[in-house]
Amino acid sequence: AIRDEDLVCRFSADTFGVMIPGVDDEMGRRLVLAVRNTVRDHHFRL
């Protein structure tokens, strides 16, 4: 869900952090909303 220049890292046992460089507030919000929508719409199976 993120761009090639973004970085996903494991922040804690159940938390990920995403570093999104070089964006303004509005673009950052749009990217985070895209991540939220991708997770919400994904069909997870164990």
All heavy atoms as atom14 arrays in JSON, in Angstrom:
{
  "sequence": "AIRDEDLVCRFSADTFGVMIPGVDDEMGRRLVLAVRNTVRDHHFRL",
  "atom14_mask": [
    [1, 1, 1, 1, 1, 0, 0, 0, 0, 0, 0, 0, 0, 0],
    [1, 1, 1, 1, 1, 1, 1, 1, 0, 0, 0, 0, 0, 0],
    [1, 1, 1, 1, 1, 1, 1, 1, 1, 1, 1, 0, 0, 0],
    [1, 1, 1, 1, 1, 1, 1, 1, 0, 0, 0, 0, 0, 0],
    [1, 1, 1, 1, 1, 1, 1, 1, 1, 0, 0, 0, 0, 0],
    [1, 1, 1, 1, 1, 1, 1, 1, 0, 0, 0, 0, 0, 0],
    [1, 1, 1, 1, 1, 1, 1, 1, 0, 0, 0, 0, 0, 0],
    [1, 1, 1, 1, 1, 1, 1, 0, 0, 0, 0, 0, 0, 0],
    [1, 1, 1, 1, 1, 1, 0, 0, 0, 0, 0, 0, 0, 0],
    [1, 1, 1, 1, 1, 1, 1, 1, 1, 1, 1, 0, 0, 0],
    [1, 1, 1, 1, 1, 1, 1, 1, 1, 1, 1, 0, 0, 0],
    [1, 1, 1, 1, 1, 1, 0, 0, 0, 0, 0, 0, 0, 0],
    [1, 1, 1, 1, 1, 0, 0, 0, 0, 0, 0, 0, 0, 0],
    [1, 1, 1, 1, 1, 1, 1, 1, 0, 0, 0, 0, 0, 0],
    [1, 1, 1, 1, 1, 1, 1, 0, 0, 0, 0, 0, 0, 0],
    [1, 1, 1, 1, 1, 1, 1, 1, 1, 1, 1, 0, 0, 0],
    [1, 1, 1, 1, 0, 0, 0, 0, 0, 0, 0, 0, 0, 0],
    [1, 1, 1, 1, 1, 1, 1, 0, 0, 0, 0, 0, 0, 0],
    [1, 1, 1, 1, 1, 1, 1, 1, 0, 0, 0, 0, 0, 0],
    [1, 1, 1, 1, 1, 1, 1, 1, 0, 0, 0, 0, 0, 0],
    [1, 1, 1, 1, 1, 1, 1, 0, 0, 0, 0, 0, 0, 0],
    [1, 1, 1, 1, 0, 0, 0, 0, 0, 0, 0, 0, 0, 0],
    [1, 1, 1, 1, 1, 1, 1, 0, 0, 0, 0, 0, 0, 0],
    [1, 1, 1, 1, 1, 1, 1, 1, 0, 0, 0, 0, 0, 0],
    [1, 1, 1, 1, 1, 1, 1, 1, 0, 0, 0, 0, 0, 0],
    [1, 1, 1, 1, 1, 1, 1, 1, 1, 0, 0, 0, 0, 0],
    [1, 1, 1, 1, 1, 1, 1, 1, 0, 0, 0, 0, 0, 0],
    [1, 1, 1, 1, 0, 0, 0, 0, 0, 0, 0, 0, 0, 0],
    [1, 1, 1, 1, 1, 1, 1, 1, 1, 1, 1, 0, 0, 0],
    [1, 1, 1, 1, 1, 1, 1, 1, 1, 1, 1, 0, 0, 0],
    [1, 1, 1, 1, 1, 1, 1, 1, 0, 0, 0, 0, 0, 0],
    [1, 1, 1, 1, 1, 1, 1, 0, 0, 0, 0, 0, 0, 0],
    [1, 1, 1, 1, 1, 1, 1, 1, 0, 0, 0, 0, 0, 0],
    [1, 1, 1, 1, 1, 0, 0, 0, 0, 0, 0, 0, 0, 0],
    [1, 1, 1, 1, 1, 1, 1, 0, 0, 0, 0, 0, 0, 0],
    [1, 1, 1, 1, 1, 1, 1, 1, 1, 1, 1, 0, 0, 0],
    [1, 1, 1, 1, 1, 1, 1, 1, 0, 0, 0, 0, 0, 0],
    [1, 1, 1, 1, 1, 1, 1, 0, 0, 0, 0, 0, 0, 0],
    [1, 1, 1, 1, 1, 1, 1, 0, 0, 0, 0, 0, 0, 0],
    [1, 1, 1, 1, 1, 1, 1, 1, 1, 1, 1, 0, 0, 0],
    [1, 1, 1, 1, 1, 1, 1, 1, 0, 0, 0, 0, 0, 0],
    [1, 1, 1, 1, 1, 1, 1, 1, 1, 1, 0, 0, 0, 0],
    [1, 1, 1, 1, 1, 1, 1, 1, 1, 1, 0, 0, 0, 0],
    [1, 1, 1, 1, 1, 1, 1, 1, 1, 1, 1, 0, 0, 0],
    [1, 1, 1, 1, 1, 1, 1, 1, 1, 1, 1, 0, 0, 0],
    [1, 1, 1, 1, 1, 1, 1, 1, 0, 0, 0, 0, 0, 0]
  ],
  "atom14_positions": [
    [[0.81, -1.22, 0.0], [0.0, 0.0, 0.0], [0.84, 1.27, 0.0], [0.29, 2.36, -0.18], [-0.92, 0.0, 1.22], [0.0, 0.0, 0.0], [0.0, 0.0, 0.0], [0.0, 0.0, 0.0], [0.0, 0.0, 0.0], [0.0, 0.0, 0.0], [0.0, 0.0, 0.0], [0.0, 0.0, 0.0], [0.0, 0.0, 0.0], [0.0, 0.0, 0.0]],
    [[2.14, 1.15, 0.21], [2.98, 2.35, 0.31], [3.85, 2.51, -0.93], [3.86, 1.66, -1.81], [3.85, 2.3, 1.58], [4.79, 1.1, 1.55], [2.98, 2.31, 2.83], [5.8, 1.06, 2.67], [0.0, 0.0, 0.0], [0.0, 0.0, 0.0], [0.0, 0.0, 0.0], [0.0, 0.0, 0.0], [0.0, 0.0, 0.0], [0.0, 0.0, 0.0]],
    [[4.58, 3.6, -0.96], [5.47, 3.9, -2.08], [6.81, 3.2, -1.89], [7.14, 2.78, -0.78], [5.7, 5.41, -2.18], [4.42, 6.24, -2.21], [4.69, 7.71, -2.01], [5.48, 7.93, -0.8], [6.13, 9.05, -0.53], [6.09, 10.07, -1.36], [6.82, 9.18, 0.58], [0.0, 0.0, 0.0], [0.0, 0.0, 0.0], [0.0, 0.0, 0.0]],
    [[7.58, 3.11, -2.96], [8.9, 2.46, -2.89], [9.83, 3.17, -1.92], [10.67, 2.52, -1.28], [9.55, 2.42, -4.27], [8.88, 1.43, -5.2], [8.15, 0.54, -4.71], [9.08, 1.54, -6.42], [0.0, 0.0, 0.0], [0.0, 0.0, 0.0], [0.0, 0.0, 0.0], [0.0, 0.0, 0.0], [0.0, 0.0, 0.0], [0.0, 0.0, 0.0]],
    [[9.72, 4.48, -1.78], [10.63, 5.22, -0.92], [10.23, 5.22, 0.56], [10.97, 5.71, 1.41], [10.79, 6.67, -1.4], [9.5, 7.47, -1.43], [8.81, 7.46, -2.79], [8.84, 6.44, -3.49], [8.24, 8.49, -3.14], [0.0, 0.0, 0.0], [0.0, 0.0, 0.0], [0.0, 0.0, 0.0], [0.0, 0.0, 0.0], [0.0, 0.0, 0.0]],
    [[9.08, 4.64, 0.9], [8.64, 4.56, 2.28], [9.25, 3.33, 2.95], [9.66, 2.39, 2.3], [7.12, 4.49, 2.35], [6.46, 5.71, 1.71], [7.08, 6.79, 1.7], [5.33, 5.58, 1.21], [0.0, 0.0, 0.0], [0.0, 0.0, 0.0], [0.0, 0.0, 0.0], [0.0, 0.0, 0.0], [0.0, 0.0, 0.0], [0.0, 0.0, 0.0]],
    [[9.3, 3.36, 4.27], [9.94, 2.29, 5.03], [8.98, 1.76, 6.09], [8.46, 2.52, 6.9], [11.21, 2.83, 5.71], [11.94, 1.88, 6.66], [12.52, 0.7, 5.89], [13.01, 2.62, 7.42], [0.0, 0.0, 0.0], [0.0, 0.0, 0.0], [0.0, 0.0, 0.0], [0.0, 0.0, 0.0], [0.0, 0.0, 0.0], [0.0, 0.0, 0.0]],
    [[8.75, 0.45, 6.08], [7.94, -0.2, 7.09], [8.88, -0.88, 8.07], [9.82, -1.56, 7.68], [7.0, -1.27, 6.47], [6.23, -2.02, 7.54], [6.06, -0.64, 5.48], [0.0, 0.0, 0.0], [0.0, 0.0, 0.0], [0.0, 0.0, 0.0], [0.0, 0.0, 0.0], [0.0, 0.0, 0.0], [0.0, 0.0, 0.0], [0.0, 0.0, 0.0]],
    [[8.63, -0.68, 9.38], [9.44, -1.34, 10.39], [8.54, -1.86, 11.51], [7.46, -1.34, 11.73], [10.5, -0.42, 10.97], [10.27, 1.32, 10.79], [0.0, 0.0, 0.0], [0.0, 0.0, 0.0], [0.0, 0.0, 0.0], [0.0, 0.0, 0.0], [0.0, 0.0, 0.0], [0.0, 0.0, 0.0], [0.0, 0.0, 0.0], [0.0, 0.0, 0.0]],
    [[9.01, -2.86, 12.18], [8.3, -3.41, 13.33], [8.66, -2.55, 14.52], [9.81, -2.44, 14.91], [8.74, -4.85, 13.53], [8.03, -5.6, 14.59], [6.88, -6.43, 13.99], [6.27, -7.27, 14.97], [6.53, -8.55, 15.11], [7.36, -9.16, 14.3], [5.94, -9.24, 16.05], [0.0, 0.0, 0.0], [0.0, 0.0, 0.0], [0.0, 0.0, 0.0]],
    [[7.66, -1.89, 15.1], [7.89, -0.96, 16.2], [7.82, -1.68, 17.55], [8.56, -1.38, 18.47], [6.88, 0.18, 16.13], [7.14, 1.27, 17.1], [8.21, 2.13, 16.91], [6.34, 1.44, 18.2], [8.47, 3.14, 17.82], [6.58, 2.45, 19.11], [7.65, 3.3, 18.92], [0.0, 0.0, 0.0], [0.0, 0.0, 0.0], [0.0, 0.0, 0.0]],
    [[6.87, -2.61, 17.67], [6.74, -3.43, 18.88], [6.11, -4.76, 18.46], [5.95, -5.01, 17.27], [5.88, -2.71, 19.94], [4.54, -2.61, 19.52], [0.0, 0.0, 0.0], [0.0, 0.0, 0.0], [0.0, 0.0, 0.0], [0.0, 0.0, 0.0], [0.0, 0.0, 0.0], [0.0, 0.0, 0.0], [0.0, 0.0, 0.0], [0.0, 0.0, 0.0]],
    [[5.75, -5.57, 19.44], [5.24, -6.91, 19.12], [4.04, -6.89, 18.17], [3.91, -7.75, 17.31], [4.86, -7.63, 20.41], [0.0, 0.0, 0.0], [0.0, 0.0, 0.0], [0.0, 0.0, 0.0], [0.0, 0.0, 0.0], [0.0, 0.0, 0.0], [0.0, 0.0, 0.0], [0.0, 0.0, 0.0], [0.0, 0.0, 0.0], [0.0, 0.0, 0.0]],
    [[3.19, -5.89, 18.32], [1.98, -5.85, 17.49], [1.78, -4.5, 16.78], [0.68, -4.15, 16.4], [0.75, -6.17, 18.32], [0.51, -5.19, 19.45], [1.39, -4.34, 19.69], [-0.54, -5.25, 20.1], [0.0, 0.0, 0.0], [0.0, 0.0, 0.0], [0.0, 0.0, 0.0], [0.0, 0.0, 0.0], [0.0, 0.0, 0.0], [0.0, 0.0, 0.0]],
    [[2.88, -3.77, 16.6], [2.79, -2.44, 16.0], [3.85, -2.27, 14.91], [5.01, -2.6, 15.12], [2.99, -1.35, 17.07], [2.06, -1.55, 18.13], [2.8, 0.03, 16.48], [0.0, 0.0, 0.0], [0.0, 0.0, 0.0], [0.0, 0.0, 0.0], [0.0, 0.0, 0.0], [0.0, 0.0, 0.0], [0.0, 0.0, 0.0], [0.0, 0.0, 0.0]],
    [[3.39, -1.75, 13.77], [4.31, -1.39, 12.7], [4.41, 0.12, 12.64], [3.44, 0.83, 12.92], [3.8, -1.89, 11.34], [3.83, -3.38, 11.2], [2.69, -4.13, 11.37], [5.01, -4.03, 10.89], [2.71, -5.5, 11.23], [5.05, -5.41, 10.76], [3.89, -6.15, 10.93], [0.0, 0.0, 0.0], [0.0, 0.0, 0.0], [0.0, 0.0, 0.0]],
    [[5.55, 0.61, 12.24], [5.74, 2.03, 11.96], [6.05, 2.18, 10.48], [6.69, 1.31, 9.88], [0.0, 0.0, 0.0], [0.0, 0.0, 0.0], [0.0, 0.0, 0.0], [0.0, 0.0, 0.0], [0.0, 0.0, 0.0], [0.0, 0.0, 0.0], [0.0, 0.0, 0.0], [0.0, 0.0, 0.0], [0.0, 0.0, 0.0], [0.0, 0.0, 0.0]],
    [[5.57, 3.24, 9.89], [5.87, 3.52, 8.49], [6.44, 4.93, 8.41], [5.8, 5.89, 8.84], [4.61, 3.42, 7.59], [4.97, 3.69, 6.14], [3.94, 2.06, 7.75], [0.0, 0.0, 0.0], [0.0, 0.0, 0.0], [0.0, 0.0, 0.0], [0.0, 0.0, 0.0], [0.0, 0.0, 0.0], [0.0, 0.0, 0.0], [0.0, 0.0, 0.0]],
    [[7.63, 5.04, 7.89], [8.27, 6.34, 7.67], [7.93, 6.75, 6.24], [8.21, 6.01, 5.29], [9.78, 6.24, 7.85], [10.2, 5.7, 9.21], [9.66, 6.7, 10.6], [10.7, 8.09, 10.41], [0.0, 0.0, 0.0], [0.0, 0.0, 0.0], [0.0, 0.0, 0.0], [0.0, 0.0, 0.0], [0.0, 0.0, 0.0], [0.0, 0.0, 0.0]],
    [[7.33, 7.93, 6.11], [6.88, 8.43, 4.81], [7.59, 9.76, 4.55], [7.11, 10.81, 4.93], [5.34, 8.62, 4.8], [4.63, 7.35, 5.24], [4.86, 9.08, 3.44], [3.13, 7.51, 5.46], [0.0, 0.0, 0.0], [0.0, 0.0, 0.0], [0.0, 0.0, 0.0], [0.0, 0.0, 0.0], [0.0, 0.0, 0.0], [0.0, 0.0, 0.0]],
    [[8.75, 9.71, 3.91], [9.52, 10.94, 3.73], [9.01, 11.81, 2.59], [8.41, 11.33, 1.62], [10.93, 10.42, 3.41], [10.7, 9.11, 2.76], [9.46, 8.53, 3.41], [0.0, 0.0, 0.0], [0.0, 0.0, 0.0], [0.0, 0.0, 0.0], [0.0, 0.0, 0.0], [0.0, 0.0, 0.0], [0.0, 0.0, 0.0], [0.0, 0.0, 0.0]],
    [[9.26, 13.11, 2.73], [9.05, 14.05, 1.63], [7.61, 14.31, 1.24], [7.34, 14.53, 0.06], [0.0, 0.0, 0.0], [0.0, 0.0, 0.0], [0.0, 0.0, 0.0], [0.0, 0.0, 0.0], [0.0, 0.0, 0.0], [0.0, 0.0, 0.0], [0.0, 0.0, 0.0], [0.0, 0.0, 0.0], [0.0, 0.0, 0.0], [0.0, 0.0, 0.0]],
    [[6.69, 14.3, 2.21], [5.3, 14.6, 1.89], [4.78, 15.7, 2.8], [5.25, 15.87, 3.91], [4.38, 13.35, 2.02], [4.8, 12.26, 1.04], [4.36, 12.81, 3.43], [0.0, 0.0, 0.0], [0.0, 0.0, 0.0], [0.0, 0.0, 0.0], [0.0, 0.0, 0.0], [0.0, 0.0, 0.0], [0.0, 0.0, 0.0], [0.0, 0.0, 0.0]],
    [[3.79, 16.43, 2.3], [3.12, 17.4, 3.15], [2.01, 16.7, 3.93], [1.77, 15.51, 3.75], [2.59, 18.58, 2.33], [1.57, 18.17, 1.28], [0.98, 17.07, 1.38], [1.35, 18.96, 0.34], [0.0, 0.0, 0.0], [0.0, 0.0, 0.0], [0.0, 0.0, 0.0], [0.0, 0.0, 0.0], [0.0, 0.0, 0.0], [0.0, 0.0, 0.0]],
    [[1.33, 17.44, 4.81], [0.3, 16.84, 5.66], [-0.79, 16.14, 4.84], [-1.2, 15.02, 5.16], [-0.36, 17.91, 6.54], [0.54, 18.35, 7.68], [1.54, 17.66, 7.95], [0.23, 19.37, 8.3], [0.0, 0.0, 0.0], [0.0, 0.0, 0.0], [0.0, 0.0, 0.0], [0.0, 0.0, 0.0], [0.0, 0.0, 0.0], [0.0, 0.0, 0.0]],
    [[-1.26, 16.78, 3.79], [-2.36, 16.22, 3.01], [-1.95, 14.93, 2.31], [-2.68, 13.94, 2.33], [-2.87, 17.24, 1.99], [-4.08, 16.76, 1.19], [-5.27, 16.36, 2.06], [-5.47, 16.96, 3.14], [-6.0, 15.42, 1.66], [0.0, 0.0, 0.0], [0.0, 0.0, 0.0], [0.0, 0.0, 0.0], [0.0, 0.0, 0.0], [0.0, 0.0, 0.0]],
    [[-0.78, 14.92, 1.69], [-0.32, 13.72, 1.01], [-0.07, 12.61, 2.02], [-0.39, 11.44, 1.78], [0.95, 14.01, 0.2], [1.5, 12.77, -0.46], [0.31, 12.0, -1.55], [1.26, 11.93, -3.03], [0.0, 0.0, 0.0], [0.0, 0.0, 0.0], [0.0, 0.0, 0.0], [0.0, 0.0, 0.0], [0.0, 0.0, 0.0], [0.0, 0.0, 0.0]],
    [[0.48, 12.94, 3.18], [0.69, 11.94, 4.23], [-0.62, 11.31, 4.66], [-0.71, 10.08, 4.8], [0.0, 0.0, 0.0], [0.0, 0.0, 0.0], [0.0, 0.0, 0.0], [0.0, 0.0, 0.0], [0.0, 0.0, 0.0], [0.0, 0.0, 0.0], [0.0, 0.0, 0.0], [0.0, 0.0, 0.0], [0.0, 0.0, 0.0], [0.0, 0.0, 0.0]],
    [[-1.64, 12.13, 4.86], [-2.96, 11.59, 5.23], [-3.49, 10.66, 4.16], [-4.04, 9.6, 4.46], [-3.96, 12.71, 5.46], [-3.77, 13.46, 6.73], [-4.78, 14.59, 6.82], [-4.42, 15.5, 7.87], [-5.25, 15.89, 8.84], [-6.48, 15.46, 8.85], [-4.84, 16.72, 9.76], [0.0, 0.0, 0.0], [0.0, 0.0, 0.0], [0.0, 0.0, 0.0]],
    [[-3.34, 11.06, 2.9], [-3.83, 10.21, 1.8], [-3.12, 8.86, 1.78], [-3.74, 7.83, 1.56], [-3.7, 10.93, 0.46], [-4.85, 11.9, 0.24], [-4.87, 12.39, -1.19], [-4.26, 13.71, -1.16], [-3.5, 14.24, -2.08], [-3.25, 13.58, -3.18], [-2.99, 15.43, -1.96], [0.0, 0.0, 0.0], [0.0, 0.0, 0.0], [0.0, 0.0, 0.0]],
    [[-1.82, 8.88, 2.0], [-1.06, 7.62, 2.02], [-1.49, 6.73, 3.18], [-1.65, 5.52, 3.03], [0.44, 7.9, 2.08], [1.05, 8.46, 0.8], [2.46, 8.97, 1.06], [1.06, 7.4, -0.29], [0.0, 0.0, 0.0], [0.0, 0.0, 0.0], [0.0, 0.0, 0.0], [0.0, 0.0, 0.0], [0.0, 0.0, 0.0], [0.0, 0.0, 0.0]],
    [[-1.68, 7.33, 4.35], [-2.11, 6.55, 5.51], [-3.52, 5.99, 5.28], [-3.81, 4.84, 5.61], [-2.05, 7.38, 6.8], [-2.62, 6.61, 7.97], [-0.61, 7.79, 7.09], [0.0, 0.0, 0.0], [0.0, 0.0, 0.0], [0.0, 0.0, 0.0], [0.0, 0.0, 0.0], [0.0, 0.0, 0.0], [0.0, 0.0, 0.0], [0.0, 0.0, 0.0]],
    [[-4.4, 6.79, 4.69], [-5.74, 6.29, 4.37], [-5.67, 5.14, 3.39], [-6.44, 4.17, 3.49], [-6.62, 7.42, 3.83], [-7.05, 8.46, 4.86], [-7.7, 9.66, 4.17], [-8.0, 7.86, 5.89], [0.0, 0.0, 0.0], [0.0, 0.0, 0.0], [0.0, 0.0, 0.0], [0.0, 0.0, 0.0], [0.0, 0.0, 0.0], [0.0, 0.0, 0.0]],
    [[-4.75, 5.2, 2.44], [-4.59, 4.1, 1.48], [-4.15, 2.83, 2.2], [-4.64, 1.73, 1.89], [-3.58, 4.49, 0.4], [0.0, 0.0, 0.0], [0.0, 0.0, 0.0], [0.0, 0.0, 0.0], [0.0, 0.0, 0.0], [0.0, 0.0, 0.0], [0.0, 0.0, 0.0], [0.0, 0.0, 0.0], [0.0, 0.0, 0.0], [0.0, 0.0, 0.0]],
    [[-3.25, 2.95, 3.17], [-2.83, 1.79, 3.94], [-4.02, 1.23, 4.72], [-4.28, 0.02, 4.71], [-1.67, 2.13, 4.9], [-1.37, 0.97, 5.84], [-0.42, 2.52, 4.12], [0.0, 0.0, 0.0], [0.0, 0.0, 0.0], [0.0, 0.0, 0.0], [0.0, 0.0, 0.0], [0.0, 0.0, 0.0], [0.0, 0.0, 0.0], [0.0, 0.0, 0.0]],
    [[-4.76, 2.11, 5.38], [-5.93, 1.66, 6.15], [-6.92, 0.93, 5.26], [-7.41, -0.14, 5.6], [-6.61, 2.84, 6.83], [-7.86, 2.39, 7.6], [-8.54, 3.5, 8.34], [-9.12, 4.47, 7.43], [-9.82, 5.52, 7.85], [-10.0, 5.73, 9.13], [-10.32, 6.36, 6.98], [0.0, 0.0, 0.0], [0.0, 0.0, 0.0], [0.0, 0.0, 0.0]],
    [[-7.21, 1.49, 4.09], [-8.16, 0.86, 3.18], [-7.64, -0.48, 2.66], [-8.41, -1.43, 2.49], [-8.5, 1.79, 2.03], [-9.29, 2.99, 2.5], [-9.92, 2.97, 3.56], [-9.25, 4.06, 1.72], [0.0, 0.0, 0.0], [0.0, 0.0, 0.0], [0.0, 0.0, 0.0], [0.0, 0.0, 0.0], [0.0, 0.0, 0.0], [0.0, 0.0, 0.0]],
    [[-6.35, -0.57, 2.39], [-5.78, -1.82, 1.9], [-5.9, -2.91, 2.96], [-6.27, -4.04, 2.65], [-4.3, -1.62, 1.5], [-4.25, -0.64, 0.45], [-3.67, -2.9, 1.01], [0.0, 0.0, 0.0], [0.0, 0.0, 0.0], [0.0, 0.0, 0.0], [0.0, 0.0, 0.0], [0.0, 0.0, 0.0], [0.0, 0.0, 0.0], [0.0, 0.0, 0.0]],
    [[-5.6, -2.59, 4.2], [-5.73, -3.57, 5.29], [-7.2, -3.95, 5.46], [-7.54, -5.14, 5.57], [-5.14, -3.02, 6.61], [-5.5, -3.92, 7.79], [-3.64, -2.86, 6.48], [0.0, 0.0, 0.0], [0.0, 0.0, 0.0], [0.0, 0.0, 0.0], [0.0, 0.0, 0.0], [0.0, 0.0, 0.0], [0.0, 0.0, 0.0], [0.0, 0.0, 0.0]],
    [[-8.08, -2.98, 5.46], [-9.51, -3.23, 5.66], [-10.08, -4.14, 4.57], [-10.89, -5.02, 4.84], [-10.28, -1.91, 5.68], [-11.78, -2.08, 5.92], [-12.52, -0.78, 5.76], [-12.39, -0.34, 4.37], [-12.57, 0.89, 3.97], [-12.89, 1.83, 4.82], [-12.46, 1.21, 2.71], [0.0, 0.0, 0.0], [0.0, 0.0, 0.0], [0.0, 0.0, 0.0]],
    [[-9.63, -3.96, 3.34], [-10.19, -4.7, 2.21], [-9.5, -6.03, 1.93], [-9.98, -6.8, 1.11], [-10.14, -3.83, 0.95], [-11.0, -2.58, 1.07], [-11.92, -2.57, 1.91], [-10.75, -1.61, 0.33], [0.0, 0.0, 0.0], [0.0, 0.0, 0.0], [0.0, 0.0, 0.0], [0.0, 0.0, 0.0], [0.0, 0.0, 0.0], [0.0, 0.0, 0.0]],
    [[-8.38, -6.29, 2.58], [-7.64, -7.53, 2.31], [-8.35, -8.72, 2.96], [-8.86, -8.63, 4.07], [-6.21, -7.42, 2.85], [-5.35, -8.57, 2.45], [-4.79, -8.67, 1.21], [-4.99, -9.68, 3.13], [-4.11, -9.79, 1.12], [-4.21, -10.42, 2.28], [0.0, 0.0, 0.0], [0.0, 0.0, 0.0], [0.0, 0.0, 0.0], [0.0, 0.0, 0.0]],
    [[-8.37, -9.83, 2.26], [-8.96, -11.07, 2.78], [-7.85, -11.92, 3.41], [-7.15, -12.64, 2.71], [-9.67, -11.84, 1.67], [-10.79, -11.08, 1.05], [-11.99, -10.91, 1.69], [-10.88, -10.41, -0.11], [-12.79, -10.18, 0.93], [-12.14, -9.86, -0.17], [0.0, 0.0, 0.0], [0.0, 0.0, 0.0], [0.0, 0.0, 0.0], [0.0, 0.0, 0.0]],
    [[-7.71, -11.78, 4.71], [-6.68, -12.51, 5.43], [-7.12, -13.94, 5.69], [-8.28, -14.21, 5.97], [-6.39, -11.84, 6.78], [-5.62, -10.57, 6.68], [-6.28, -9.35, 6.58], [-4.24, -10.58, 6.68], [-5.57, -8.17, 6.49], [-3.52, -9.39, 6.59], [-4.19, -8.19, 6.49], [0.0, 0.0, 0.0], [0.0, 0.0, 0.0], [0.0, 0.0, 0.0]],
    [[-6.16, -14.87, 5.58], [-6.34, -16.26, 5.96], [-5.07, -16.66, 6.71], [-3.97, -16.31, 6.29], [-6.49, -17.15, 4.74], [-7.73, -16.89, 3.93], [-7.73, -17.79, 2.68], [-8.79, -17.44, 1.77], [-10.05, -17.86, 1.86], [-10.39, -18.66, 2.84], [-10.96, -17.47, 0.99], [0.0, 0.0, 0.0], [0.0, 0.0, 0.0], [0.0, 0.0, 0.0]],
    [[-5.23, -17.4, 7.79], [-4.06, -17.85, 8.53], [-3.34, -18.97, 7.78], [-2.13, -19.09, 7.83], [-4.44, -18.29, 9.93], [-4.99, -17.16, 10.81], [-5.37, -17.69, 12.18], [-3.97, -16.04, 10.94], [0.0, 0.0, 0.0], [0.0, 0.0, 0.0], [0.0, 0.0, 0.0], [0.0, 0.0, 0.0], [0.0, 0.0, 0.0], [0.0, 0.0, 0.0]]
  ]
}
